[in-house]
Amino acid sequence: MKFFPPCLLLSFGLHLATLSADGSPLLYLGFSGTNLSMDETATITPSGLLELTNGIVNRKGHAFYPAPLHFRKSHNGKVQSLSISFVFGIRSSYLSMTQHGLAFVVAPSKNFTDALANQYLGLTNTVKNGNPKNHFFAVELDTALSIEFKDIDANHVVININDLNSIESSSAGYYDDTSASFQNLSLNSGEAMQVWVAYDGQAKQINVTIAPLEKEKPVRPLI
């Protein structure tokens, strides 16, 4: 299994990323000198950020962890618990022209050459979308409204499984630990934000949480 965070049509800086599967942690504090498997517009900037797109229209970029990660102890075994966190920032010259965001993905292959940019987020295409043979799990951070996928708004977080029609979705934001009130976040603000994705192998539940970088992880997940 491999994971990558693709971003379409936007500059995206990924500075910190951690992953733990079956108790084996991986940690990136910047990406200078790493051997990520990248394609198309993805690049490592001189400051060590992972930039997935550079503003060129109708382009996509992927960055994969280079080696397989095994989430089952045996072929028929249960999927192990998984915990990921990463810091991102979406920057656009004009907020009104921001396109379709990015996604964190787990998939059995890093070959997404036939996937489309724009609303397809570099994950699938018009023919393959929704096909159970896609075998991908994605957390999508979307900054545009795609009516064809029944998006709830133009600033949302969703869970996708083999399909860009989401399993679960929420407007971007977090629940304050003190007041329990919902605090809106603008994904395309250019501000650094952190995402936590956790899969509980016992409960078979996925939790997704997002917050400004300066905030601790909220107790209540967004999804």
C-alpha atoms as a PDB file:
ATOM      1  CA  MET A   1       0.000   0.000   0.000  1.00  0.00           C
ATOM      2  CA  LYS A   2       1.216   3.469  -0.783  1.00  0.00           C
ATOM      3  CA  PHE A   3      -0.047   6.931   0.017  1.00  0.00           C
ATOM      4  CA  PHE A   4       0.262  10.269  -1.671  1.00  0.00           C
ATOM      5  CA  PRO A   5      -1.229  13.733  -1.231  1.00  0.00           C
ATOM      6  CA  PRO A   6      -2.145  15.169  -4.648  1.00  0.00           C
ATOM      7  CA  CYS A   7      -3.108  18.778  -5.291  1.00  0.00           C
ATOM      8  CA  LEU A   8      -4.726  20.165  -8.400  1.00  0.00           C
ATOM      9  CA  LEU A   9      -4.226  23.652  -9.768  1.00  0.00           C
ATOM     10  CA  LEU A  10      -3.012  25.088  -6.475  1.00  0.00           C
ATOM     11  CA  SER A  11       0.301  25.695  -4.837  1.00  0.00           C
ATOM     12  CA  PHE A  12       0.509  23.353  -1.858  1.00  0.00           C
ATOM     13  CA  GLY A  13       3.217  23.295   0.754  1.00  0.00           C
ATOM     14  CA  LEU A  14       3.452  20.141   2.863  1.00  0.00           C
ATOM     15  CA  HIS A  15       6.001  20.731   5.604  1.00  0.00           C
ATOM     16  CA  LEU A  16       5.424  18.101   8.260  1.00  0.00           C
ATOM     17  CA  ALA A  17       3.977  14.635   7.790  1.00  0.00           C
ATOM     18  CA  THR A  18       3.831  11.670  10.141  1.00  0.00           C
ATOM     19  CA  LEU A  19       2.418   8.196   9.616  1.00  0.00           C
ATOM     20  CA  SER A  20       2.164   5.244  11.937  1.00  0.00           C
ATOM     21  CA  ALA A  21       0.966   1.812  10.810  1.00  0.00           C
ATOM     22  CA  ASP A  22       1.163  -1.094  13.252  1.00  0.00           C
ATOM     23  CA  GLY A  23       3.357   0.931  15.605  1.00  0.00           C
ATOM     24  CA  SER A  24       5.993   1.839  13.000  1.00  0.00           C
ATOM     25  CA  PRO A  25       6.288   5.632  12.847  1.00  0.00           C
ATOM     26  CA  LEU A  26       7.496   7.656   9.878  1.00  0.00           C
ATOM     27  CA  LEU A  27       8.286  11.333  10.246  1.00  0.00           C
ATOM     28  CA  TYR A  28       9.119  14.104   7.787  1.00  0.00           C
ATOM     29  CA  LEU A  29      10.131  17.552   9.026  1.00  0.00           C
ATOM     30  CA  GLY A  30      10.427  19.063   5.577  1.00  0.00           C
ATOM     31  CA  PHE A  31      11.278  17.077   2.452  1.00  0.00           C
ATOM     32  CA  SER A  32      14.790  18.158   1.434  1.00  0.00           C
ATOM     33  CA  GLY A  33      16.860  15.087   0.618  1.00  0.00           C
ATOM     34  CA  THR A  34      13.917  12.664   0.693  1.00  0.00           C
ATOM     35  CA  ASN A  35      13.288  10.127  -2.044  1.00  0.00           C
ATOM     36  CA  LEU A  36       9.553  10.645  -2.573  1.00  0.00           C
ATOM     37  CA  SER A  37       8.240   9.315  -5.856  1.00  0.00           C
ATOM     38  CA  MET A  38       6.863  12.388  -7.639  1.00  0.00           C
ATOM     39  CA  ASP A  39       5.281  13.071 -11.017  1.00  0.00           C
ATOM     40  CA  GLU A  40       4.060  15.908 -13.244  1.00  0.00           C
ATOM     41  CA  THR A  41       4.128  19.273 -11.423  1.00  0.00           C
ATOM     42  CA  ALA A  42       5.191  17.979  -7.997  1.00  0.00           C
ATOM     43  CA  THR A  43       8.541  19.270  -6.724  1.00  0.00           C
ATOM     44  CA  ILE A  44      10.520  19.959  -3.554  1.00  0.00           C
ATOM     45  CA  THR A  45      11.152  23.671  -3.055  1.00  0.00           C
ATOM     46  CA  PRO A  46      14.543  25.027  -1.870  1.00  0.00           C
ATOM     47  CA  SER A  47      13.010  25.571   1.586  1.00  0.00           C
ATOM     48  CA  GLY A  48      12.020  21.888   1.846  1.00  0.00           C
ATOM     49  CA  LEU A  49       8.290  22.191   1.137  1.00  0.00           C
ATOM     50  CA  LEU A  50       6.516  19.667  -1.038  1.00  0.00           C
ATOM     51  CA  GLU A  51       4.792  21.711  -3.751  1.00  0.00           C
ATOM     52  CA  LEU A  52       2.321  19.652  -5.736  1.00  0.00           C
ATOM     53  CA  THR A  53       1.169  22.217  -8.288  1.00  0.00           C
ATOM     54  CA  ASN A  54       2.482  25.532  -9.545  1.00  0.00           C
ATOM     55  CA  GLY A  55      -0.640  27.313 -10.776  1.00  0.00           C
ATOM     56  CA  ILE A  56      -0.628  25.981 -14.340  1.00  0.00           C
ATOM     57  CA  VAL A  57      -4.219  25.241 -15.358  1.00  0.00           C
ATOM     58  CA  ASN A  58      -5.400  21.655 -15.897  1.00  0.00           C
ATOM     59  CA  ARG A  59      -2.325  20.046 -14.315  1.00  0.00           C
ATOM     60  CA  LYS A  60      -1.933  17.669 -11.398  1.00  0.00           C
ATOM     61  CA  GLY A  61       0.918  16.482  -9.236  1.00  0.00           C
ATOM     62  CA  HIS A  62       1.415  13.435  -7.020  1.00  0.00           C
ATOM     63  CA  ALA A  63       3.967  12.586  -4.339  1.00  0.00           C
ATOM     64  CA  PHE A  64       4.167   9.013  -3.017  1.00  0.00           C
ATOM     65  CA  TYR A  65       5.961   7.428  -0.150  1.00  0.00           C
ATOM     66  CA  PRO A  66       8.411   5.303  -2.172  1.00  0.00           C
ATOM     67  CA  ALA A  67       8.115   1.900  -0.458  1.00  0.00           C
ATOM     68  CA  PRO A  68       5.049  -0.300   0.163  1.00  0.00           C
ATOM     69  CA  LEU A  69       3.427  -0.071   3.590  1.00  0.00           C
ATOM     70  CA  HIS A  70       1.696  -3.238   4.762  1.00  0.00           C
ATOM     71  CA  PHE A  71      -1.538  -2.648   6.661  1.00  0.00           C
ATOM     72  CA  ARG A  72      -2.388  -6.333   7.115  1.00  0.00           C
ATOM     73  CA  LYS A  73      -0.295  -8.916   8.959  1.00  0.00           C
ATOM     74  CA  SER A  74      -1.593 -11.618   6.624  1.00  0.00           C
ATOM     75  CA  HIS A  75      -3.565 -11.813   3.386  1.00  0.00           C
ATOM     76  CA  ASN A  76      -6.833 -12.474   5.222  1.00  0.00           C
ATOM     77  CA  GLY A  77      -5.955 -10.515   8.343  1.00  0.00           C
ATOM     78  CA  LYS A  78      -7.704  -7.409   9.545  1.00  0.00           C
ATOM     79  CA  VAL A  79      -6.456  -3.976   8.558  1.00  0.00           C
ATOM     80  CA  GLN A  80      -4.162  -2.578  11.228  1.00  0.00           C
ATOM     81  CA  SER A  81      -4.829   0.727  12.948  1.00  0.00           C
ATOM     82  CA  LEU A  82      -3.375   3.679  11.082  1.00  0.00           C
ATOM     83  CA  SER A  83      -2.579   7.243  12.134  1.00  0.00           C
ATOM     84  CA  ILE A  84      -1.462  10.073   9.837  1.00  0.00           C
ATOM     85  CA  SER A  85      -0.978  13.779  10.339  1.00  0.00           C
ATOM     86  CA  PHE A  86       0.326  16.440   7.983  1.00  0.00           C
ATOM     87  CA  VAL A  87       0.571  20.191   7.673  1.00  0.00           C
ATOM     88  CA  PHE A  88      -0.578  21.909   4.493  1.00  0.00           C
ATOM     89  CA  GLY A  89      -1.229  25.326   3.039  1.00  0.00           C
ATOM     90  CA  ILE A  90      -3.210  26.200  -0.090  1.00  0.00           C
ATOM     91  CA  ARG A  91      -2.134  29.413  -1.779  1.00  0.00           C
ATOM     92  CA  SER A  92      -3.884  31.081  -4.706  1.00  0.00           C
ATOM     93  CA  SER A  93      -3.216  34.420  -6.384  1.00  0.00           C
ATOM     94  CA  TYR A  94      -6.944  35.185  -6.335  1.00  0.00           C
ATOM     95  CA  LEU A  95      -9.272  33.581  -3.798  1.00  0.00           C
ATOM     96  CA  SER A  96     -12.203  33.708  -6.224  1.00  0.00           C
ATOM     97  CA  MET A  97     -10.198  31.649  -8.756  1.00  0.00           C
ATOM     98  CA  THR A  98      -9.132  28.835  -6.444  1.00  0.00           C
ATOM     99  CA  GLN A  99      -9.747  25.421  -7.951  1.00  0.00           C
ATOM    100  CA  HIS A 100     -10.177  21.933  -6.525  1.00  0.00           C
ATOM    101  CA  GLY A 101      -7.761  21.388  -3.654  1.00  0.00           C
ATOM    102  CA  LEU A 102      -5.905  18.236  -2.693  1.00  0.00           C
ATOM    103  CA  ALA A 103      -6.286  14.770  -1.214  1.00  0.00           C
ATOM    104  CA  PHE A 104      -4.427  12.335   1.019  1.00  0.00           C
ATOM    105  CA  VAL A 105      -4.697   8.880  -0.525  1.00  0.00           C
ATOM    106  CA  VAL A 106      -4.000   5.246   0.303  1.00  0.00           C
ATOM    107  CA  ALA A 107      -3.887   3.003  -2.788  1.00  0.00           C
ATOM    108  CA  PRO A 108      -2.230  -0.238  -3.974  1.00  0.00           C
ATOM    109  CA  SER A 109      -0.520   1.511  -6.907  1.00  0.00           C
ATOM    110  CA  LYS A 110       1.140   4.852  -7.601  1.00  0.00           C
ATOM    111  CA  ASN A 111       0.168   4.794 -11.268  1.00  0.00           C
ATOM    112  CA  PHE A 112      -2.492   7.488 -11.688  1.00  0.00           C
ATOM    113  CA  THR A 113      -1.472   8.546 -15.186  1.00  0.00           C
ATOM    114  CA  ASP A 114      -5.025   8.177 -16.537  1.00  0.00           C
ATOM    115  CA  ALA A 115      -6.545  10.234 -13.706  1.00  0.00           C
ATOM    116  CA  LEU A 116      -7.801  13.710 -14.554  1.00  0.00           C
ATOM    117  CA  ALA A 117      -7.041  17.045 -12.938  1.00  0.00           C
ATOM    118  CA  ASN A 118      -9.628  19.649 -11.872  1.00  0.00           C
ATOM    119  CA  GLN A 119     -12.605  18.132 -10.031  1.00  0.00           C
ATOM    120  CA  TYR A 120     -11.127  14.611 -10.387  1.00  0.00           C
ATOM    121  CA  LEU A 121      -8.230  15.567  -8.103  1.00  0.00           C
ATOM    122  CA  GLY A 122      -5.768  13.325  -9.915  1.00  0.00           C
ATOM    123  CA  LEU A 123      -7.525  10.253  -8.491  1.00  0.00           C
ATOM    124  CA  THR A 124      -9.798   8.924 -11.226  1.00  0.00           C
ATOM    125  CA  ASN A 125     -11.569   9.880 -14.452  1.00  0.00           C
ATOM    126  CA  THR A 126     -15.036  10.013 -15.986  1.00  0.00           C
ATOM    127  CA  VAL A 127     -15.054   6.292 -16.815  1.00  0.00           C
ATOM    128  CA  LYS A 128     -13.424   4.851 -13.688  1.00  0.00           C
ATOM    129  CA  ASN A 129     -15.049   7.001 -10.999  1.00  0.00           C
ATOM    130  CA  GLY A 130     -17.029   4.786  -8.616  1.00  0.00           C
ATOM    131  CA  ASN A 131     -15.501   1.544  -9.886  1.00  0.00           C
ATOM    132  CA  PRO A 132     -14.865  -0.786  -6.901  1.00  0.00           C
ATOM    133  CA  LYS A 133     -11.644  -1.901  -8.616  1.00  0.00           C
ATOM    134  CA  ASN A 134     -10.189   1.553  -7.986  1.00  0.00           C
ATOM    135  CA  HIS A 135      -9.174   0.431  -4.469  1.00  0.00           C
ATOM    136  CA  PHE A 136      -8.396   3.858  -3.075  1.00  0.00           C
ATOM    137  CA  PHE A 137      -9.235   5.594   0.168  1.00  0.00           C
ATOM    138  CA  ALA A 138      -8.930   9.379   0.174  1.00  0.00           C
ATOM    139  CA  VAL A 139      -9.407  12.331   2.478  1.00  0.00           C
ATOM    140  CA  GLU A 140     -10.240  15.251   0.234  1.00  0.00           C
ATOM    141  CA  LEU A 141      -9.683  18.918   1.095  1.00  0.00           C
ATOM    142  CA  ASP A 142     -11.791  20.597  -1.567  1.00  0.00           C
ATOM    143  CA  THR A 143     -11.966  24.305  -2.373  1.00  0.00           C
ATOM    144  CA  ALA A 144     -14.521  24.189  -5.206  1.00  0.00           C
ATOM    145  CA  LEU A 145     -18.132  23.114  -5.597  1.00  0.00           C
ATOM    146  CA  SER A 146     -18.613  20.165  -7.979  1.00  0.00           C
ATOM    147  CA  ILE A 147     -22.312  19.608  -8.535  1.00  0.00           C
ATOM    148  CA  GLU A 148     -21.717  16.308 -10.337  1.00  0.00           C
ATOM    149  CA  PHE A 149     -20.250  14.824  -7.135  1.00  0.00           C
ATOM    150  CA  LYS A 150     -22.950  16.351  -4.916  1.00  0.00           C
ATOM    151  CA  ASP A 151     -20.477  18.542  -3.013  1.00  0.00           C
ATOM    152  CA  ILE A 152     -22.029  20.305  -0.031  1.00  0.00           C
ATOM    153  CA  ASP A 153     -20.170  23.601  -0.593  1.00  0.00           C
ATOM    154  CA  ALA A 154     -16.934  25.072  -1.984  1.00  0.00           C
ATOM    155  CA  ASN A 155     -14.934  24.588   1.235  1.00  0.00           C
ATOM    156  CA  HIS A 156     -15.251  21.079   2.590  1.00  0.00           C
ATOM    157  CA  VAL A 157     -13.528  17.950   3.888  1.00  0.00           C
ATOM    158  CA  VAL A 158     -14.704  14.518   2.738  1.00  0.00           C
ATOM    159  CA  ILE A 159     -13.919  10.811   2.900  1.00  0.00           C
ATOM    160  CA  ASN A 160     -13.880   9.059  -0.475  1.00  0.00           C
ATOM    161  CA  ILE A 161     -13.715   5.324  -1.158  1.00  0.00           C
ATOM    162  CA  ASN A 162     -13.217   4.415  -4.841  1.00  0.00           C
ATOM    163  CA  ASP A 163     -15.483   7.307  -5.758  1.00  0.00           C
ATOM    164  CA  LEU A 164     -15.491  11.108  -5.665  1.00  0.00           C
ATOM    165  CA  ASN A 165     -19.068  11.012  -4.401  1.00  0.00           C
ATOM    166  CA  SER A 166     -18.180  11.141  -0.735  1.00  0.00           C
ATOM    167  CA  ILE A 167     -18.978   8.622   2.002  1.00  0.00           C
ATOM    168  CA  GLU A 168     -18.972  11.406   4.608  1.00  0.00           C
ATOM    169  CA  SER A 169     -18.455  15.165   4.315  1.00  0.00           C
ATOM    170  CA  SER A 170     -18.384  18.338   6.364  1.00  0.00           C
ATOM    171  CA  SER A 171     -17.742  22.013   5.807  1.00  0.00           C
ATOM    172  CA  ALA A 172     -14.128  22.746   6.751  1.00  0.00           C
ATOM    173  CA  GLY A 173     -13.599  23.631  10.395  1.00  0.00           C
ATOM    174  CA  TYR A 174     -13.102  22.249  13.873  1.00  0.00           C
ATOM    175  CA  TYR A 175     -14.939  21.932  17.195  1.00  0.00           C
ATOM    176  CA  ASP A 176     -13.518  24.097  19.973  1.00  0.00           C
ATOM    177  CA  ASP A 177     -12.633  22.019  23.040  1.00  0.00           C
ATOM    178  CA  THR A 178     -13.801  24.682  25.477  1.00  0.00           C
ATOM    179  CA  SER A 179     -17.081  25.881  23.993  1.00  0.00           C
ATOM    180  CA  ALA A 180     -17.846  22.868  21.754  1.00  0.00           C
ATOM    181  CA  SER A 181     -18.804  25.407  19.066  1.00  0.00           C
ATOM    182  CA  PHE A 182     -17.930  24.858  15.428  1.00  0.00           C
ATOM    183  CA  GLN A 183     -15.180  27.136  14.106  1.00  0.00           C
ATOM    184  CA  ASN A 184     -15.076  27.651  10.346  1.00  0.00           C
ATOM    185  CA  LEU A 185     -11.798  27.337   8.434  1.00  0.00           C
ATOM    186  CA  SER A 186     -11.100  28.607   4.921  1.00  0.00           C
ATOM    187  CA  LEU A 187      -8.998  25.961   3.201  1.00  0.00           C
ATOM    188  CA  ASN A 188      -7.681  28.386   0.572  1.00  0.00           C
ATOM    189  CA  SER A 189      -6.671  31.087   3.050  1.00  0.00           C
ATOM    190  CA  GLY A 190      -2.972  30.380   2.592  1.00  0.00           C
ATOM    191  CA  GLU A 191      -2.683  29.675   6.329  1.00  0.00           C
ATOM    192  CA  ALA A 192      -0.946  26.551   7.604  1.00  0.00           C
ATOM    193  CA  MET A 193      -3.344  23.905   8.898  1.00  0.00           C
ATOM    194  CA  GLN A 194      -2.893  20.414  10.276  1.00  0.00           C
ATOM    195  CA  VAL A 195      -4.893  17.313   9.390  1.00  0.00           C
ATOM    196  CA  TRP A 196      -5.148  14.104  11.413  1.00  0.00           C
ATOM    197  CA  VAL A 197      -6.474  10.915   9.805  1.00  0.00           C
ATOM    198  CA  ALA A 198      -6.942   7.897  12.067  1.00  0.00           C
ATOM    199  CA  TYR A 199      -8.293   4.426  11.362  1.00  0.00           C
ATOM    200  CA  ASP A 200      -9.167   2.268  14.374  1.00  0.00           C
ATOM    201  CA  GLY A 201      -8.672  -1.361  13.383  1.00  0.00           C
ATOM    202  CA  GLN A 202     -10.766  -2.652  16.295  1.00  0.00           C
ATOM    203  CA  ALA A 203     -13.730  -0.289  15.892  1.00  0.00           C
ATOM    204  CA  LYS A 204     -13.306  -0.159  12.076  1.00  0.00           C
ATOM    205  CA  GLN A 205     -13.842   3.596  12.177  1.00  0.00           C
ATOM    206  CA  ILE A 206     -12.138   6.484  10.380  1.00  0.00           C
ATOM    207  CA  ASN A 207     -11.781   9.852  12.110  1.00  0.00           C
ATOM    208  CA  VAL A 208     -10.665  13.011  10.317  1.00  0.00           C
ATOM    209  CA  THR A 209      -9.754  16.175  12.222  1.00  0.00           C
ATOM    210  CA  ILE A 210      -8.436  19.541  11.025  1.00  0.00           C
ATOM    211  CA  ALA A 211      -7.302  22.652  12.888  1.00  0.00           C
ATOM    212  CA  PRO A 212      -5.067  25.732  12.503  1.00  0.00           C
ATOM    213  CA  LEU A 213      -1.398  24.863  12.966  1.00  0.00           C
ATOM    214  CA  GLU A 214      -1.138  26.696  16.289  1.00  0.00           C
ATOM    215  CA  LYS A 215      -4.020  24.672  17.800  1.00  0.00           C
ATOM    216  CA  GLU A 216      -3.682  21.323  19.517  1.00  0.00           C
ATOM    217  CA  LYS A 217      -5.640  18.464  18.018  1.00  0.00           C
ATOM    218  CA  PRO A 218      -9.334  18.979  18.911  1.00  0.00           C
ATOM    219  CA  VAL A 219     -10.887  16.194  20.963  1.00  0.00           C
ATOM    220  CA  ARG A 220     -13.949  15.946  18.733  1.00  0.00           C
ATOM    221  CA  PRO A 221     -13.162  14.926  15.136  1.00  0.00           C
ATOM    222  CA  LEU A 222     -14.670  16.777  12.200  1.00  0.00           C
ATOM    223  CA  ILE A 223     -15.763  13.527  10.513  1.00  0.00           C
END
